[in-house]
Amino acid sequence: MTLTESPAAPAPSSQRLTTAKAMVQGLELEMARDDSVIYLGEDVGSYGGIFSSTTGLLDRFGPERVIDTPISETAFIGLGIGAAVEGLRPVVELMFADFMGVCLDQIYNHMAKIHYESGGNVKVPMVLTTAVGGGYSDGAQHSQCLWGTFGHLPGMKVVVPSNPYDAKGLIISAVRDDNPVVYMFHKGVMGLPWMAKNPRSMGEVPAGDYTVPIGEASVVREGTDVTVVTLSLSVHHALDVADKLAEDGVETEVIDLRSVVPLDRRAILASVGKTGRLVVVDEDYLSYGLSGEVVATIADEDPGLLRAPVARVANPDVPIPYSRPLEYAVLPRPERIEAAIRKVVGA
C-alpha cells in the first residue's frame, strides 16, 4: 500500500436482508463451497424463483448447476433423488407444497425410504424446498402449509424458518445434512415487495457462514404466564399479540419450533413447565396434525404441568377459501390468537 492509498474498509460482519435474500445467500455460499450442490425446479433460473428463492444464482453458477425444469414434478424430483444417490447434493424446488399430490410417490416412496430400504448403505442428501401458506387469495390449491403431512411421513427432516437469520442458517444446515430435508418457507415471511408488508421479514444476518441446528426450537420471547408454541408466519402474529397483551399484564412466552422433524419436545416441556399454560398456533389443519402432536407431548410426558386446558388455534378442516374475508376467517390470524390466550389465562 502506498502513502496515498486508504486502507480497505473491513467487510461488514452482518447485513440487513429479507428472508428471501438470506435464503439465497445461504445457497450461494454452499454452492461456492461445494461443487456437488445444484438447484433445480420450475422458474428457478432466469426468473430467479417465483418467490425470489434463487435470484442471481444462475448468473453466478450457470445453467448446469441452476436448472430450469419442465412442469413435471414427478420427473424433476425423481431426477433430484437420482442425483443425490449418485453423489450430488441437489436442492429441488417444489413451487407450492400443495403440488406434493402429483409427486408424492417420488417424495415418500423413494426420497424418504431409500436409506432405510438399503439398510443404511445409500444416502439421499437432498433438500426439497417449497412455498407454503395462505393470506393472499391464492385459492385452495396454492395456500396450504401441509408440514404436518410431511412430518407424518417418516424418513425426512422438516424445517420451517420464520425469519432471515434462520432462513440462511437452516438452508445451510439442510444442504449439508446427509438425510433428505424438506425446507418449507412461508410466502408471508419472505419480504417480497408485492406481498403484504411484514416488518420482521427483514433482519440482521451474519455475512459469513453459520448454521442453525435442525431440531432445535428458539425462545423468541420470554414470558411467565402462558406459552405459545408456533412456527413460520404465525410466530410474527404471536409476537404482535404478545406485545399487545403485555400492556394488560399478560406475559407470553413464544416458542418458534423452527423444525417439525425432529420436534424439540424438551423446549416445549421446559416452557410449559414454567408457565403452566399452553396455546398452540398452527397454520396447518387442526385434525391429525402438528398442534395435536405438541399437545400430546405434554399429555405423554407430564400432564400435571398444565394449570389450565390447552387451546389450539389452527385452520379448520376445510379447503382454504379464495375470498379474502373467508380466507382470513379460517387462518390463525392475530384476533384468534389473542382470544385463545385470553381464555387460557382468564384475562
Protein backbone atom coordinates (compact mmCIF):
# COMPACT_ATOMS: atom_id res chain seq x y z
CA MET A 1 0.00 0.00 0.00
CA THR A 2 1.40 3.45 -0.95
CA LEU A 3 1.17 6.54 1.28
CA THR A 4 -1.67 7.91 -0.84
CA GLU A 5 -3.84 4.78 -0.60
CA SER A 6 -6.50 4.33 2.04
CA PRO A 7 -6.76 1.03 3.88
CA ALA A 8 -9.53 -1.22 2.65
CA ALA A 9 -12.72 -0.98 4.64
CA PRO A 10 -13.39 -4.09 6.71
CA ALA A 11 -16.08 -6.37 5.40
CA PRO A 12 -19.35 -5.93 7.25
CA SER A 13 -19.99 -8.57 9.90
CA SER A 14 -23.72 -8.55 9.15
CA GLN A 15 -26.28 -7.15 6.76
CA ARG A 16 -29.98 -6.39 6.85
CA LEU A 17 -31.59 -8.86 4.50
CA THR A 18 -35.05 -10.07 3.67
CA THR A 19 -35.80 -13.72 4.34
CA ALA A 20 -35.67 -14.41 0.60
CA LYS A 21 -32.25 -12.79 0.21
CA ALA A 22 -30.93 -14.55 3.30
CA MET A 23 -32.02 -17.90 1.87
CA VAL A 24 -30.31 -17.12 -1.44
CA GLN A 25 -27.14 -16.05 0.35
CA GLY A 26 -27.02 -19.37 2.20
CA LEU A 27 -27.48 -21.26 -1.05
CA GLU A 28 -24.82 -19.18 -2.77
CA LEU A 29 -22.30 -19.90 -0.01
CA GLU A 30 -22.95 -23.64 -0.18
CA MET A 31 -22.79 -23.74 -3.99
CA ALA A 32 -19.49 -21.86 -3.90
CA ARG A 33 -18.12 -24.14 -1.19
CA ASP A 34 -19.25 -27.44 -2.70
CA ASP A 35 -19.43 -28.11 -6.45
CA SER A 36 -21.80 -31.02 -5.86
CA VAL A 37 -24.62 -28.66 -4.81
CA ILE A 38 -27.09 -28.00 -7.64
CA TYR A 39 -30.52 -26.35 -7.72
CA LEU A 40 -33.39 -27.37 -9.97
CA GLY A 41 -37.07 -26.68 -10.38
CA GLU A 42 -39.63 -24.62 -12.26
CA ASP A 43 -38.65 -20.98 -12.94
CA VAL A 44 -35.55 -21.16 -10.73
CA GLY A 45 -33.16 -19.99 -13.47
CA SER A 46 -33.54 -16.67 -15.26
CA TYR A 47 -36.75 -15.90 -13.36
CA GLY A 48 -35.00 -16.39 -10.02
CA GLY A 49 -37.84 -18.37 -8.46
CA ILE A 50 -41.37 -17.02 -8.22
CA PHE A 51 -40.71 -16.19 -4.55
CA SER A 52 -37.14 -14.94 -5.20
CA SER A 53 -35.64 -18.12 -3.76
CA THR A 54 -32.85 -18.33 -6.36
CA THR A 55 -32.29 -14.74 -7.53
CA GLY A 56 -28.81 -14.33 -9.04
CA LEU A 57 -27.74 -17.96 -8.74
CA LEU A 58 -27.96 -18.66 -12.47
CA ASP A 59 -25.69 -15.71 -13.28
CA ARG A 60 -23.01 -16.96 -10.92
CA PHE A 61 -23.19 -20.73 -11.34
CA GLY A 62 -24.61 -21.21 -14.82
CA PRO A 63 -27.31 -23.48 -16.29
CA GLU A 64 -25.50 -26.73 -15.47
CA ARG A 65 -25.95 -26.10 -11.74
CA VAL A 66 -29.11 -23.97 -11.72
CA ILE A 67 -31.52 -25.94 -13.86
CA ASP A 68 -34.93 -24.86 -15.12
CA THR A 69 -37.14 -27.92 -15.42
CA PRO A 70 -40.30 -28.72 -17.34
CA ILE A 71 -43.62 -28.66 -15.48
CA SER A 72 -43.33 -32.26 -14.35
CA GLU A 73 -42.82 -32.55 -10.61
CA THR A 74 -42.58 -36.33 -10.68
CA ALA A 75 -39.78 -36.16 -13.25
CA PHE A 76 -37.59 -33.48 -11.73
CA ILE A 77 -37.96 -34.65 -8.13
CA GLY A 78 -37.03 -38.12 -9.38
CA LEU A 79 -34.05 -36.54 -11.13
CA GLY A 80 -33.01 -34.94 -7.84
CA ILE A 81 -33.29 -38.24 -5.98
CA GLY A 82 -31.14 -39.99 -8.57
CA ALA A 83 -28.56 -37.20 -8.43
CA ALA A 84 -28.43 -37.44 -4.64
CA VAL A 85 -27.98 -41.20 -4.68
CA GLU A 86 -25.13 -40.81 -7.17
CA GLY A 87 -23.19 -38.34 -5.03
CA LEU A 88 -24.53 -34.85 -5.73
CA ARG A 89 -26.32 -32.62 -3.22
CA PRO A 90 -29.35 -31.38 -5.12
CA VAL A 91 -31.75 -28.73 -3.89
CA VAL A 92 -35.07 -29.28 -5.65
CA GLU A 93 -37.85 -26.69 -5.53
CA LEU A 94 -41.46 -27.80 -5.48
CA MET A 95 -43.12 -24.49 -6.32
CA PHE A 96 -46.04 -24.92 -3.90
CA ALA A 97 -46.33 -27.52 -1.15
CA ASP A 98 -49.87 -28.15 -2.44
CA PHE A 99 -48.31 -29.76 -5.54
CA MET A 100 -46.97 -32.63 -3.45
CA GLY A 101 -50.02 -34.60 -4.61
CA VAL A 102 -48.67 -35.05 -8.11
CA CYS A 103 -45.27 -36.33 -6.96
CA LEU A 104 -45.85 -37.92 -3.57
CA ASP A 105 -44.62 -41.30 -4.76
CA GLN A 106 -41.19 -39.86 -5.53
CA ILE A 107 -41.07 -37.98 -2.22
CA TYR A 108 -42.37 -40.62 0.15
CA ASN A 109 -41.64 -43.95 -1.51
CA HIS A 110 -38.19 -43.01 -2.78
CA MET A 111 -36.63 -39.87 -1.30
CA ALA A 112 -37.73 -40.76 2.24
CA LYS A 113 -37.25 -44.54 2.11
CA ILE A 114 -34.15 -45.34 0.05
CA HIS A 115 -31.78 -45.01 3.00
CA TYR A 116 -33.92 -47.36 5.11
CA GLU A 117 -34.53 -49.85 2.32
CA SER A 118 -30.81 -50.03 1.54
CA GLY A 119 -30.00 -50.94 5.12
CA GLY A 120 -28.33 -47.58 5.58
CA ASN A 121 -25.92 -48.12 2.69
CA VAL A 122 -27.36 -45.47 0.35
CA LYS A 123 -27.69 -41.84 1.40
CA VAL A 124 -30.07 -39.30 -0.11
CA PRO A 125 -28.53 -35.89 0.74
CA MET A 126 -31.28 -33.90 -0.93
CA VAL A 127 -33.20 -30.76 0.04
CA LEU A 128 -36.78 -30.28 -1.14
CA THR A 129 -37.69 -26.59 -0.86
CA THR A 130 -41.29 -25.47 -1.16
CA ALA A 131 -43.52 -22.46 -0.56
CA VAL A 132 -46.39 -22.67 1.90
CA GLY A 133 -49.12 -20.59 3.42
CA GLY A 134 -52.20 -18.51 2.79
CA GLY A 135 -53.35 -14.96 3.16
CA TYR A 136 -53.01 -13.84 -0.46
CA SER A 137 -56.15 -15.17 -2.15
CA ASP A 138 -54.16 -17.90 -3.90
CA GLY A 139 -57.03 -20.36 -3.61
CA ALA A 140 -57.44 -23.83 -2.17
CA GLN A 141 -54.65 -25.42 -4.24
CA HIS A 142 -51.94 -22.82 -3.53
CA SER A 143 -52.43 -21.81 0.11
CA GLN A 144 -51.85 -24.83 2.35
CA CYS A 145 -48.95 -25.42 4.71
CA LEU A 146 -49.02 -29.24 4.96
CA TRP A 147 -45.93 -29.51 7.17
CA GLY A 148 -47.98 -31.87 9.32
CA THR A 149 -48.38 -34.16 6.31
CA PHE A 150 -44.66 -34.17 5.55
CA GLY A 151 -43.88 -34.58 9.24
CA HIS A 152 -46.18 -37.62 9.45
CA LEU A 153 -44.18 -39.47 6.78
CA PRO A 154 -41.03 -40.96 8.36
CA GLY A 155 -37.64 -40.67 6.73
CA MET A 156 -37.42 -36.90 6.16
CA LYS A 157 -36.42 -33.95 8.29
CA VAL A 158 -38.76 -30.95 8.03
CA VAL A 159 -37.63 -27.38 8.75
CA VAL A 160 -39.64 -24.15 8.63
CA PRO A 161 -37.82 -20.80 9.04
CA SER A 162 -39.72 -17.73 10.21
CA ASN A 163 -37.07 -15.02 9.78
CA PRO A 164 -33.96 -14.09 7.77
CA TYR A 165 -31.41 -15.37 10.29
CA ASP A 166 -32.98 -18.80 10.49
CA ALA A 167 -33.65 -18.94 6.75
CA LYS A 168 -29.94 -18.72 5.98
CA GLY A 169 -28.74 -20.94 8.82
CA LEU A 170 -31.32 -23.64 8.17
CA ILE A 171 -30.73 -23.82 4.41
CA ILE A 172 -27.00 -24.29 5.04
CA SER A 173 -27.73 -26.99 7.62
CA ALA A 174 -30.19 -28.67 5.25
CA VAL A 175 -27.75 -28.76 2.33
CA ARG A 176 -25.02 -30.25 4.50
CA ASP A 177 -27.26 -32.90 6.04
CA ASP A 178 -26.89 -36.42 4.67
CA ASN A 179 -30.61 -37.04 5.11
CA PRO A 180 -33.44 -35.77 2.91
CA VAL A 181 -34.68 -32.45 4.29
CA VAL A 182 -37.91 -30.66 3.42
CA TYR A 183 -37.37 -26.89 3.71
CA MET A 184 -40.70 -25.03 3.81
CA PHE A 185 -40.80 -21.24 3.50
CA HIS A 186 -43.96 -19.18 4.03
CA LYS A 187 -44.63 -16.57 1.37
CA GLY A 188 -45.57 -14.12 4.10
CA VAL A 189 -42.11 -14.12 5.71
CA MET A 190 -40.05 -13.77 2.51
CA GLY A 191 -40.12 -9.95 2.41
CA LEU A 192 -41.30 -9.72 -1.18
CA PRO A 193 -42.42 -6.22 -2.24
CA TRP A 194 -45.59 -7.44 -3.92
CA MET A 195 -46.91 -9.13 -0.79
CA ALA A 196 -48.30 -7.75 2.46
CA LYS A 197 -45.58 -5.89 4.36
CA ASN A 198 -44.14 -7.82 7.28
CA PRO A 199 -41.65 -5.75 9.32
CA ARG A 200 -39.91 -8.84 10.70
CA SER A 201 -39.25 -10.26 7.23
CA MET A 202 -36.07 -8.16 7.19
CA GLY A 203 -33.40 -8.52 9.84
CA GLU A 204 -29.73 -8.68 10.72
CA VAL A 205 -27.97 -11.66 9.18
CA PRO A 206 -24.28 -12.55 9.70
CA ALA A 207 -22.34 -12.08 6.49
CA GLY A 208 -20.41 -15.32 6.71
CA ASP A 209 -21.05 -18.99 7.09
CA TYR A 210 -23.15 -20.25 10.02
CA THR A 211 -25.71 -22.96 10.70
CA VAL A 212 -28.94 -23.22 12.69
CA PRO A 213 -29.28 -26.69 14.24
CA ILE A 214 -32.09 -28.78 12.80
CA GLY A 215 -34.41 -29.92 15.58
CA GLU A 216 -33.74 -27.06 17.99
CA ALA A 217 -36.56 -24.63 18.80
CA SER A 218 -35.99 -20.98 19.70
CA VAL A 219 -37.50 -18.97 22.55
CA VAL A 220 -38.19 -15.76 20.64
CA ARG A 221 -39.96 -14.05 23.53
CA GLU A 222 -39.74 -14.95 27.20
CA GLY A 223 -42.79 -14.88 29.43
CA THR A 224 -44.21 -16.28 32.64
CA ASP A 225 -48.00 -16.54 32.17
CA VAL A 226 -48.60 -18.62 29.04
CA THR A 227 -46.62 -20.47 26.38
CA VAL A 228 -47.43 -20.08 22.69
CA VAL A 229 -45.86 -22.82 20.56
CA THR A 230 -45.88 -21.98 16.88
CA LEU A 231 -43.82 -21.64 13.70
CA SER A 232 -43.48 -19.76 10.42
CA LEU A 233 -45.68 -16.68 9.85
CA SER A 234 -47.65 -17.44 13.00
CA VAL A 235 -44.55 -16.55 15.03
CA HIS A 236 -44.95 -12.98 13.83
CA HIS A 237 -48.65 -12.93 14.68
CA ALA A 238 -47.94 -14.38 18.13
CA LEU A 239 -45.27 -11.77 18.85
CA ASP A 240 -47.63 -8.96 17.87
CA VAL A 241 -50.31 -10.34 20.17
CA ALA A 242 -47.81 -10.88 22.99
CA ASP A 243 -46.73 -7.24 22.82
CA LYS A 244 -50.35 -6.13 22.97
CA LEU A 245 -51.22 -8.39 25.91
CA ALA A 246 -48.18 -7.22 27.83
CA GLU A 247 -49.94 -3.86 28.21
CA ASP A 248 -52.60 -5.74 30.19
CA GLY A 249 -50.02 -7.51 32.33
CA VAL A 250 -50.05 -10.85 30.50
CA GLU A 251 -46.50 -12.04 29.76
CA THR A 252 -46.49 -14.51 26.86
CA GLU A 253 -43.59 -16.83 26.06
CA VAL A 254 -43.35 -17.54 22.32
CA ILE A 255 -41.59 -20.67 21.08
CA ASP A 256 -40.60 -20.85 17.39
CA LEU A 257 -40.29 -24.56 16.66
CA ARG A 258 -38.17 -23.99 13.50
CA SER A 259 -38.24 -27.76 12.90
CA VAL A 260 -41.23 -30.07 12.67
CA VAL A 261 -38.98 -33.13 12.38
CA PRO A 262 -37.15 -33.55 14.68
CA LEU A 263 -39.58 -31.84 17.08
CA ASP A 264 -37.92 -30.13 20.05
CA ARG A 265 -40.11 -31.63 22.75
CA ARG A 266 -37.73 -30.62 25.54
CA ALA A 267 -38.19 -26.95 24.68
CA ILE A 268 -41.98 -27.35 24.76
CA LEU A 269 -41.90 -29.14 28.11
CA ALA A 270 -39.49 -26.63 29.64
CA SER A 271 -41.61 -23.66 28.67
CA VAL A 272 -44.94 -25.16 29.75
CA GLY A 273 -43.28 -26.25 32.97
CA LYS A 274 -42.55 -22.59 33.62
CA THR A 275 -45.86 -21.04 32.56
CA GLY A 276 -48.36 -23.83 33.22
CA ARG A 277 -50.47 -22.82 30.22
CA LEU A 278 -50.27 -23.69 26.54
CA VAL A 279 -51.65 -22.26 23.31
CA VAL A 280 -50.60 -23.93 20.05
CA VAL A 281 -50.86 -21.83 16.88
CA ASP A 282 -50.57 -23.71 13.61
CA GLU A 283 -51.44 -22.62 10.06
CA ASP A 284 -51.96 -26.24 9.12
CA TYR A 285 -55.17 -28.21 9.53
CA LEU A 286 -56.47 -28.83 13.04
CA SER A 287 -57.08 -32.57 12.91
CA TYR A 288 -54.28 -35.17 12.95
CA GLY A 289 -51.56 -32.52 12.72
CA LEU A 290 -48.74 -30.67 14.45
CA SER A 291 -50.92 -28.93 17.02
CA GLY A 292 -52.15 -32.28 18.31
CA GLU A 293 -48.58 -33.60 18.44
CA VAL A 294 -47.47 -30.65 20.58
CA VAL A 295 -50.35 -31.20 22.99
CA ALA A 296 -49.62 -34.94 23.07
CA THR A 297 -46.07 -34.15 24.13
CA ILE A 298 -47.41 -32.67 27.36
CA ALA A 299 -50.00 -35.41 27.83
CA ASP A 300 -47.43 -38.16 27.31
CA GLU A 301 -44.69 -36.70 29.47
CA ASP A 302 -46.33 -34.77 32.32
CA PRO A 303 -49.93 -33.53 32.08
CA GLY A 304 -49.54 -32.18 35.60
CA LEU A 305 -47.58 -29.27 34.13
CA LEU A 306 -50.83 -27.70 32.96
CA ARG A 307 -52.82 -25.37 35.19
CA ALA A 308 -55.49 -24.73 32.53
CA PRO A 309 -56.90 -26.51 29.48
CA VAL A 310 -54.88 -26.23 26.28
CA ALA A 311 -56.09 -24.05 23.39
CA ARG A 312 -55.34 -24.79 19.74
CA VAL A 313 -55.58 -22.14 17.02
CA ALA A 314 -55.32 -23.80 13.62
CA ASN A 315 -57.01 -23.97 10.25
CA PRO A 316 -60.39 -25.72 10.48
CA ASP A 317 -60.69 -28.83 8.36
CA VAL A 318 -61.93 -27.05 5.23
CA PRO A 319 -60.20 -26.06 1.97
CA ILE A 320 -58.66 -22.58 2.17
CA PRO A 321 -61.13 -20.14 0.56
CA TYR A 322 -60.19 -17.81 -2.27
CA SER A 323 -62.36 -14.98 -0.89
CA ARG A 324 -60.18 -12.73 1.28
CA PRO A 325 -62.72 -12.33 4.12
CA LEU A 326 -63.41 -16.07 4.20
CA GLU A 327 -59.70 -16.88 3.98
CA TYR A 328 -58.93 -14.60 6.92
CA ALA A 329 -61.73 -16.27 8.86
CA VAL A 330 -60.06 -19.70 8.70
CA LEU A 331 -56.40 -18.67 9.10
CA PRO A 332 -54.84 -18.31 12.59
CA ARG A 333 -54.89 -14.53 12.49
CA PRO A 334 -53.95 -12.32 15.50
CA GLU A 335 -57.56 -11.91 16.61
CA ARG A 336 -58.00 -15.66 17.09
CA ILE A 337 -54.62 -15.97 18.82
CA GLU A 338 -55.44 -13.17 21.25
CA ALA A 339 -58.83 -14.67 22.09
CA ALA A 340 -57.24 -18.06 22.79
CA ILE A 341 -54.57 -16.62 25.07
CA ARG A 342 -57.09 -14.54 27.00
CA LYS A 343 -59.26 -17.62 27.50
CA VAL A 344 -56.37 -19.73 28.76
CA VAL A 345 -55.10 -17.12 31.24
CA GLY A 346 -58.58 -15.98 32.21
CA ALA A 347 -57.93 -12.39 31.17
